[in-house]
Amino acid sequence: MRNLRFLLFGTLFGVILTKAEVISWFRIQEMFMFQSVYMYCIIGSAVVVGALSVFLIKKFNLKTISGDPVVFPKKPFNKGVIFGGLIFGLGWAITGACPGPMFALIGNGYGVFIVTMVFALFSAWLYGYLQDGVPH
C-alpha cells in the first residue's frame, strides 16, 4: 500500500502517453521517416520544459522535498555517449519503442513488446557488466 501512489502515477503517465499517441509505432515511424513533426514537437516540448525547470531550480536555488539542495554536477564529455546514442536510436527505430512507452505498450496489450523489454533490460545489465571496458 505504501507504493500505491507510484502505481497510480505510473498508470496516469501511461494513459497520457497512450492518449497523446506517443506510444504509437506509426507515429514513431513517421518521425524517423521525416513524414510528420508530431513526435518532434512532443520531444521538443519536453526539452523546453526540462530546460526551463533546470533554469528555475538554479535561479531560485530550489531544494528537494527533504530540504537538500539540488545539485547539477558537471559531466565530462566522452565519445561513448555518441556510440550509446546511436545504439539507442537504432533500437528505437527498429522496435518502435523507447523505454518509457515500452511499458505503456505492454500495458495496452501489445505483448510482443515484452521481447523488447527483455532485451532492453539485458542491454542495461550488459552495459553495467562491461562498463569499465566501453569507450570513454
Protein backbone atom coordinates (compact mmCIF):
# COMPACT_ATOMS: atom_id res chain seq x y z
CA MET A 1 0.00 0.00 0.00
CA ARG A 2 2.96 2.28 0.66
CA ASN A 3 3.85 2.38 -3.05
CA LEU A 4 0.30 2.78 -4.31
CA ARG A 5 0.96 6.41 -5.26
CA PHE A 6 3.75 5.29 -7.60
CA LEU A 7 1.47 2.74 -9.24
CA LEU A 8 -1.22 5.39 -9.69
CA PHE A 9 1.26 7.94 -11.06
CA GLY A 10 2.71 5.35 -13.46
CA THR A 11 -0.77 4.40 -14.61
CA LEU A 12 -1.66 8.06 -15.19
CA PHE A 13 1.59 8.53 -17.10
CA GLY A 14 0.78 5.50 -19.27
CA VAL A 15 -2.72 6.84 -20.00
CA ILE A 16 -1.25 10.21 -21.01
CA LEU A 17 1.31 8.53 -23.29
CA THR A 18 -1.46 6.46 -24.86
CA LYS A 19 -3.88 9.36 -25.38
CA ALA A 20 -1.11 11.56 -26.82
CA GLU A 21 -0.27 8.74 -29.27
CA VAL A 22 3.35 8.83 -28.10
CA ILE A 23 3.37 5.02 -27.91
CA SER A 24 2.09 4.65 -31.46
CA TRP A 25 4.57 2.74 -33.58
CA PHE A 26 3.16 4.56 -36.60
CA ARG A 27 3.88 7.97 -35.01
CA ILE A 28 7.43 6.86 -34.26
CA GLN A 29 7.85 5.55 -37.80
CA GLU A 30 6.57 8.87 -39.17
CA MET A 31 9.19 10.65 -37.10
CA PHE A 32 12.10 8.50 -38.29
CA MET A 33 10.89 8.75 -41.90
CA PHE A 34 10.60 12.57 -41.56
CA GLN A 35 6.93 12.41 -42.59
CA SER A 36 5.48 14.26 -39.59
CA VAL A 37 6.64 16.76 -36.97
CA TYR A 38 4.24 15.44 -34.30
CA MET A 39 6.83 13.47 -32.30
CA TYR A 40 9.47 16.16 -32.76
CA CYS A 41 7.04 18.65 -31.20
CA ILE A 42 6.37 16.28 -28.28
CA ILE A 43 10.09 15.72 -27.69
CA GLY A 44 10.85 19.41 -28.22
CA SER A 45 8.24 20.46 -25.67
CA ALA A 46 9.75 18.01 -23.16
CA VAL A 47 13.21 19.54 -23.75
CA VAL A 48 11.81 23.06 -23.26
CA VAL A 49 10.02 22.07 -20.03
CA GLY A 50 13.17 20.36 -18.75
CA ALA A 51 15.43 23.30 -19.62
CA LEU A 52 13.01 25.78 -18.05
CA SER A 53 12.77 23.62 -14.92
CA VAL A 54 16.55 23.45 -14.55
CA PHE A 55 16.80 27.21 -15.10
CA LEU A 56 14.18 27.91 -12.41
CA ILE A 57 15.75 25.44 -9.96
CA LYS A 58 19.12 27.16 -10.36
CA LYS A 59 17.75 30.71 -10.36
CA PHE A 60 15.68 30.32 -7.20
CA ASN A 61 18.05 27.81 -5.54
CA LEU A 62 15.17 25.40 -5.01
CA LYS A 63 15.52 22.46 -2.64
CA THR A 64 14.30 18.86 -2.78
CA ILE A 65 11.25 17.75 -0.81
CA SER A 66 13.59 16.69 2.01
CA GLY A 67 15.25 20.13 2.04
CA ASP A 68 18.52 19.13 0.37
CA PRO A 69 19.98 21.39 -2.31
CA VAL A 70 19.52 20.30 -5.91
CA VAL A 71 22.96 19.70 -7.40
CA PHE A 72 23.76 19.53 -11.12
CA PRO A 73 27.26 18.02 -11.30
CA LYS A 74 29.47 18.83 -14.27
CA LYS A 75 29.80 15.82 -16.54
CA PRO A 76 32.78 15.45 -18.84
CA PHE A 77 32.08 14.66 -22.49
CA ASN A 78 33.08 11.21 -23.68
CA LYS A 79 32.74 9.55 -27.06
CA GLY A 80 30.84 6.63 -25.52
CA VAL A 81 27.79 8.90 -25.34
CA ILE A 82 27.75 9.15 -29.13
CA PHE A 83 28.02 5.38 -29.58
CA GLY A 84 25.37 4.78 -26.92
CA GLY A 85 23.04 7.31 -28.51
CA LEU A 86 23.43 5.68 -31.91
CA ILE A 87 22.71 2.23 -30.48
CA PHE A 88 19.72 3.59 -28.52
CA GLY A 89 18.33 5.35 -31.61
CA LEU A 90 18.81 2.26 -33.75
CA GLY A 91 16.95 0.12 -31.22
CA TRP A 92 14.20 2.74 -31.00
CA ALA A 93 13.85 2.82 -34.79
CA ILE A 94 13.81 -0.97 -35.12
CA THR A 95 11.39 -1.72 -32.29
CA GLY A 96 9.30 1.45 -32.37
CA ALA A 97 9.62 1.92 -28.62
CA CYS A 98 11.93 3.71 -26.24
CA PRO A 99 11.96 2.67 -22.57
CA GLY A 100 9.13 4.93 -21.31
CA PRO A 101 6.42 3.99 -23.81
CA MET A 102 7.59 0.38 -23.83
CA PHE A 103 5.79 -0.27 -20.54
CA ALA A 104 2.69 1.59 -21.73
CA LEU A 105 2.65 -0.58 -24.86
CA ILE A 106 2.79 -3.73 -22.74
CA GLY A 107 0.03 -2.31 -20.54
CA ASN A 108 -2.06 -1.67 -23.65
CA GLY A 109 -1.86 -5.34 -24.58
CA TYR A 110 0.98 -5.31 -27.11
CA GLY A 111 2.63 -8.41 -25.69
CA VAL A 112 5.30 -8.52 -28.37
CA PHE A 113 6.99 -5.62 -26.57
CA ILE A 114 7.83 -7.97 -23.73
CA VAL A 115 10.63 -9.17 -26.02
CA THR A 116 11.78 -5.56 -26.42
CA MET A 117 11.66 -5.08 -22.65
CA VAL A 118 13.71 -8.23 -22.04
CA PHE A 119 16.39 -7.09 -24.48
CA ALA A 120 16.37 -3.55 -23.02
CA LEU A 121 16.90 -4.96 -19.54
CA PHE A 122 19.58 -7.33 -20.83
CA SER A 123 21.34 -4.44 -22.60
CA ALA A 124 21.31 -2.36 -19.42
CA TRP A 125 22.74 -5.29 -17.48
CA LEU A 126 25.37 -5.91 -20.17
CA TYR A 127 26.43 -2.26 -20.09
CA GLY A 128 26.78 -2.42 -16.30
CA TYR A 129 28.83 -5.59 -16.61
CA LEU A 130 31.11 -4.21 -19.35
CA GLN A 131 31.11 -0.59 -18.18
CA ASP A 132 34.83 -0.44 -17.44
CA GLY A 133 35.70 -1.70 -20.95
CA VAL A 134 33.45 0.51 -23.08
CA PRO A 135 34.81 3.66 -24.80
CA HIS A 136 35.12 6.75 -22.62
